[in-house]
Amino acid sequence: MPDPETIEDCWLEFARRFMPEEASEFQVRDMRRCFYSGAWTMLGLMMTHRDEGPDVLTRRLDEWQRELVEFQRRLGIDR
């Protein structure tokens, strides 16, 4: 798959990689809601801090990335 350009592209790749084939329609629906909720949360964080200037936003993006990498490490997820 080429680099994702939309949140939907990211969802489809996430579902392809992590959704069990036997997942019920309810599980898929709930996972999709959670996925989009996470995207919405990140957008909200970025919009909240966008007026702080590019240096501050870049620092915050680095902090959020470290937080997500640490979460990934704790779960034992290897991209």
N, C-alpha and C. Protein backbone atom coordinates (compact mmCIF):
# COMPACT_ATOMS: atom_id res chain seq x y z
N MET A 1 0.85 -1.18 0.00
CA MET A 1 0.00 0.00 0.00
C MET A 1 0.89 1.24 0.00
N PRO A 2 0.58 2.22 -0.84
CA PRO A 2 1.35 3.46 -0.83
C PRO A 2 1.16 4.19 0.50
N ASP A 3 1.96 5.21 0.71
CA ASP A 3 1.83 5.99 1.94
C ASP A 3 0.39 6.48 2.08
N PRO A 4 -0.16 6.38 3.30
CA PRO A 4 -1.54 6.81 3.50
C PRO A 4 -1.67 8.33 3.34
N GLU A 5 -2.79 8.74 2.77
CA GLU A 5 -3.06 10.16 2.59
C GLU A 5 -4.26 10.62 3.40
N THR A 6 -5.05 9.67 3.87
CA THR A 6 -6.25 10.02 4.63
C THR A 6 -6.31 9.18 5.90
N ILE A 7 -7.16 9.60 6.82
CA ILE A 7 -7.39 8.81 8.04
C ILE A 7 -8.01 7.47 7.66
N GLU A 8 -8.87 7.48 6.65
CA GLU A 8 -9.48 6.23 6.18
C GLU A 8 -8.41 5.26 5.68
N ASP A 9 -7.42 5.78 4.94
CA ASP A 9 -6.31 4.93 4.48
C ASP A 9 -5.61 4.29 5.68
N CYS A 10 -5.38 5.08 6.71
CA CYS A 10 -4.71 4.57 7.91
C CYS A 10 -5.57 3.52 8.60
N TRP A 11 -6.89 3.78 8.67
CA TRP A 11 -7.81 2.81 9.27
C TRP A 11 -7.76 1.48 8.52
N LEU A 12 -7.82 1.55 7.20
CA LEU A 12 -7.83 0.32 6.40
C LEU A 12 -6.54 -0.47 6.61
N GLU A 13 -5.41 0.21 6.69
CA GLU A 13 -4.14 -0.48 6.93
C GLU A 13 -4.12 -1.07 8.34
N PHE A 14 -4.59 -0.31 9.33
CA PHE A 14 -4.67 -0.81 10.70
C PHE A 14 -5.55 -2.06 10.75
N ALA A 15 -6.72 -1.98 10.14
CA ALA A 15 -7.65 -3.12 10.16
C ALA A 15 -7.04 -4.33 9.46
N ARG A 16 -6.35 -4.11 8.36
CA ARG A 16 -5.71 -5.21 7.62
C ARG A 16 -4.66 -5.89 8.49
N ARG A 17 -3.90 -5.10 9.23
CA ARG A 17 -2.79 -5.66 10.01
C ARG A 17 -3.23 -6.25 11.34
N PHE A 18 -4.24 -5.67 11.99
CA PHE A 18 -4.51 -6.02 13.38
C PHE A 18 -5.90 -6.59 13.65
N MET A 19 -6.83 -6.47 12.73
CA MET A 19 -8.19 -6.96 12.97
C MET A 19 -8.24 -8.45 12.67
N PRO A 20 -8.68 -9.27 13.63
CA PRO A 20 -8.81 -10.70 13.36
C PRO A 20 -9.83 -10.94 12.25
N GLU A 21 -9.54 -11.90 11.42
CA GLU A 21 -10.47 -12.23 10.33
C GLU A 21 -11.85 -12.60 10.84
N GLU A 22 -11.90 -13.20 12.01
CA GLU A 22 -13.18 -13.65 12.56
C GLU A 22 -13.89 -12.57 13.39
N ALA A 23 -13.39 -11.35 13.34
CA ALA A 23 -14.01 -10.25 14.11
C ALA A 23 -15.45 -10.04 13.64
N SER A 24 -16.32 -9.87 14.61
CA SER A 24 -17.73 -9.63 14.28
C SER A 24 -17.90 -8.21 13.76
N GLU A 25 -19.05 -7.95 13.15
CA GLU A 25 -19.31 -6.59 12.66
C GLU A 25 -19.30 -5.59 13.81
N PHE A 26 -19.69 -6.03 15.01
CA PHE A 26 -19.69 -5.15 16.17
C PHE A 26 -18.27 -4.83 16.62
N GLN A 27 -17.40 -5.83 16.60
CA GLN A 27 -16.00 -5.60 16.94
C GLN A 27 -15.36 -4.64 15.94
N VAL A 28 -15.62 -4.85 14.66
CA VAL A 28 -15.06 -3.97 13.63
C VAL A 28 -15.58 -2.55 13.83
N ARG A 29 -16.88 -2.41 14.07
CA ARG A 29 -17.47 -1.09 14.30
C ARG A 29 -16.83 -0.40 15.50
N ASP A 30 -16.69 -1.14 16.60
CA ASP A 30 -16.12 -0.54 17.81
C ASP A 30 -14.64 -0.19 17.63
N MET A 31 -13.90 -1.06 16.96
CA MET A 31 -12.48 -0.76 16.69
C MET A 31 -12.36 0.48 15.81
N ARG A 32 -13.22 0.58 14.81
CA ARG A 32 -13.18 1.75 13.91
C ARG A 32 -13.50 3.01 14.70
N ARG A 33 -14.49 2.94 15.57
CA ARG A 33 -14.82 4.10 16.41
C ARG A 33 -13.64 4.49 17.29
N CYS A 34 -13.00 3.52 17.89
CA CYS A 34 -11.83 3.81 18.73
C CYS A 34 -10.70 4.42 17.90
N PHE A 35 -10.46 3.86 16.73
CA PHE A 35 -9.41 4.36 15.86
C PHE A 35 -9.67 5.83 15.50
N TYR A 36 -10.88 6.12 15.05
CA TYR A 36 -11.21 7.49 14.67
C TYR A 36 -11.23 8.42 15.88
N SER A 37 -11.59 7.90 17.05
CA SER A 37 -11.54 8.71 18.27
C SER A 37 -10.11 9.12 18.58
N GLY A 38 -9.17 8.20 18.38
CA GLY A 38 -7.76 8.53 18.58
C GLY A 38 -7.29 9.59 17.59
N ALA A 39 -7.72 9.46 16.34
CA ALA A 39 -7.36 10.47 15.33
C ALA A 39 -7.95 11.83 15.72
N TRP A 40 -9.19 11.81 16.16
CA TRP A 40 -9.85 13.05 16.57
C TRP A 40 -9.12 13.69 17.75
N THR A 41 -8.70 12.87 18.69
CA THR A 41 -7.96 13.37 19.85
C THR A 41 -6.66 14.04 19.43
N MET A 42 -5.91 13.39 18.54
CA MET A 42 -4.65 13.98 18.07
C MET A 42 -4.90 15.29 17.33
N LEU A 43 -5.92 15.33 16.50
CA LEU A 43 -6.24 16.57 15.80
C LEU A 43 -6.59 17.67 16.80
N GLY A 44 -7.37 17.31 17.80
CA GLY A 44 -7.73 18.28 18.84
C GLY A 44 -6.51 18.83 19.57
N LEU A 45 -5.57 17.94 19.90
CA LEU A 45 -4.34 18.39 20.55
C LEU A 45 -3.56 19.35 19.65
N MET A 46 -3.43 18.98 18.38
CA MET A 46 -2.69 19.84 17.45
C MET A 46 -3.39 21.19 17.26
N MET A 47 -4.70 21.19 17.15
CA MET A 47 -5.44 22.44 16.96
C MET A 47 -5.36 23.32 18.21
N THR A 48 -5.38 22.69 19.38
CA THR A 48 -5.29 23.44 20.63
C THR A 48 -3.96 24.19 20.73
N HIS A 49 -2.90 23.59 20.24
CA HIS A 49 -1.56 24.14 20.41
C HIS A 49 -0.99 24.78 19.15
N ARG A 50 -1.78 24.88 18.10
CA ARG A 50 -1.26 25.38 16.82
C ARG A 50 -0.83 26.83 16.87
N ASP A 51 -1.42 27.63 17.75
CA ASP A 51 -1.08 29.06 17.80
C ASP A 51 0.12 29.35 18.70
N GLU A 52 0.73 28.33 19.27
CA GLU A 52 1.89 28.52 20.14
C GLU A 52 3.17 28.74 19.34
N GLY A 53 3.09 28.59 18.03
CA GLY A 53 4.25 28.77 17.18
C GLY A 53 4.82 27.45 16.74
N PRO A 54 5.53 27.46 15.61
CA PRO A 54 6.03 26.20 15.04
C PRO A 54 7.03 25.48 15.93
N ASP A 55 7.86 26.20 16.66
CA ASP A 55 8.84 25.54 17.52
C ASP A 55 8.17 24.78 18.65
N VAL A 56 7.18 25.42 19.26
CA VAL A 56 6.47 24.77 20.36
C VAL A 56 5.67 23.58 19.84
N LEU A 57 5.00 23.75 18.71
CA LEU A 57 4.22 22.64 18.17
C LEU A 57 5.13 21.48 17.79
N THR A 58 6.29 21.78 17.23
CA THR A 58 7.25 20.72 16.90
C THR A 58 7.69 19.99 18.16
N ARG A 59 7.96 20.73 19.23
CA ARG A 59 8.35 20.10 20.50
C ARG A 59 7.22 19.22 21.03
N ARG A 60 6.00 19.72 20.94
CA ARG A 60 4.86 18.92 21.41
C ARG A 60 4.69 17.66 20.56
N LEU A 61 4.83 17.77 19.25
CA LEU A 61 4.74 16.59 18.39
C LEU A 61 5.80 15.56 18.78
N ASP A 62 7.01 16.03 19.07
CA ASP A 62 8.07 15.11 19.52
C ASP A 62 7.68 14.43 20.83
N GLU A 63 7.09 15.19 21.75
CA GLU A 63 6.66 14.62 23.03
C GLU A 63 5.57 13.57 22.83
N TRP A 64 4.61 13.87 21.97
CA TRP A 64 3.52 12.92 21.70
C TRP A 64 4.07 11.67 21.01
N GLN A 65 5.02 11.86 20.14
CA GLN A 65 5.62 10.70 19.47
C GLN A 65 6.33 9.82 20.48
N ARG A 66 7.10 10.41 21.40
CA ARG A 66 7.77 9.63 22.44
C ARG A 66 6.75 8.87 23.29
N GLU A 67 5.65 9.54 23.63
CA GLU A 67 4.60 8.90 24.43
C GLU A 67 4.02 7.69 23.69
N LEU A 68 3.76 7.84 22.40
CA LEU A 68 3.20 6.74 21.62
C LEU A 68 4.21 5.60 21.42
N VAL A 69 5.46 5.93 21.21
CA VAL A 69 6.50 4.91 21.08
C VAL A 69 6.64 4.13 22.38
N GLU A 70 6.57 4.82 23.50
CA GLU A 70 6.65 4.15 24.80
C GLU A 70 5.45 3.22 24.99
N PHE A 71 4.27 3.66 24.62
CA PHE A 71 3.08 2.81 24.70
C PHE A 71 3.27 1.57 23.84
N GLN A 72 3.74 1.77 22.63
CA GLN A 72 4.00 0.67 21.71
C GLN A 72 5.01 -0.31 22.30
N ARG A 73 6.06 0.22 22.90
CA ARG A 73 7.09 -0.62 23.51
C ARG A 73 6.51 -1.46 24.65
N ARG A 74 5.68 -0.84 25.50
CA ARG A 74 5.08 -1.56 26.63
C ARG A 74 4.17 -2.69 26.15
N LEU A 75 3.52 -2.49 25.02
CA LEU A 75 2.65 -3.55 24.48
C LEU A 75 3.42 -4.62 23.73
N GLY A 76 4.68 -4.35 23.45
CA GLY A 76 5.48 -5.31 22.71
C GLY A 76 5.14 -5.32 21.24
N ILE A 77 4.65 -4.20 20.72
CA ILE A 77 4.28 -4.11 19.30
C ILE A 77 5.50 -3.72 18.50
N ASP A 78 5.74 -4.49 17.47
CA ASP A 78 6.81 -4.16 16.54
C ASP A 78 6.16 -3.77 15.22
N ARG A 79 6.33 -2.51 14.85
CA ARG A 79 5.69 -2.00 13.64
C ARG A 79 5.90 -2.98 12.54
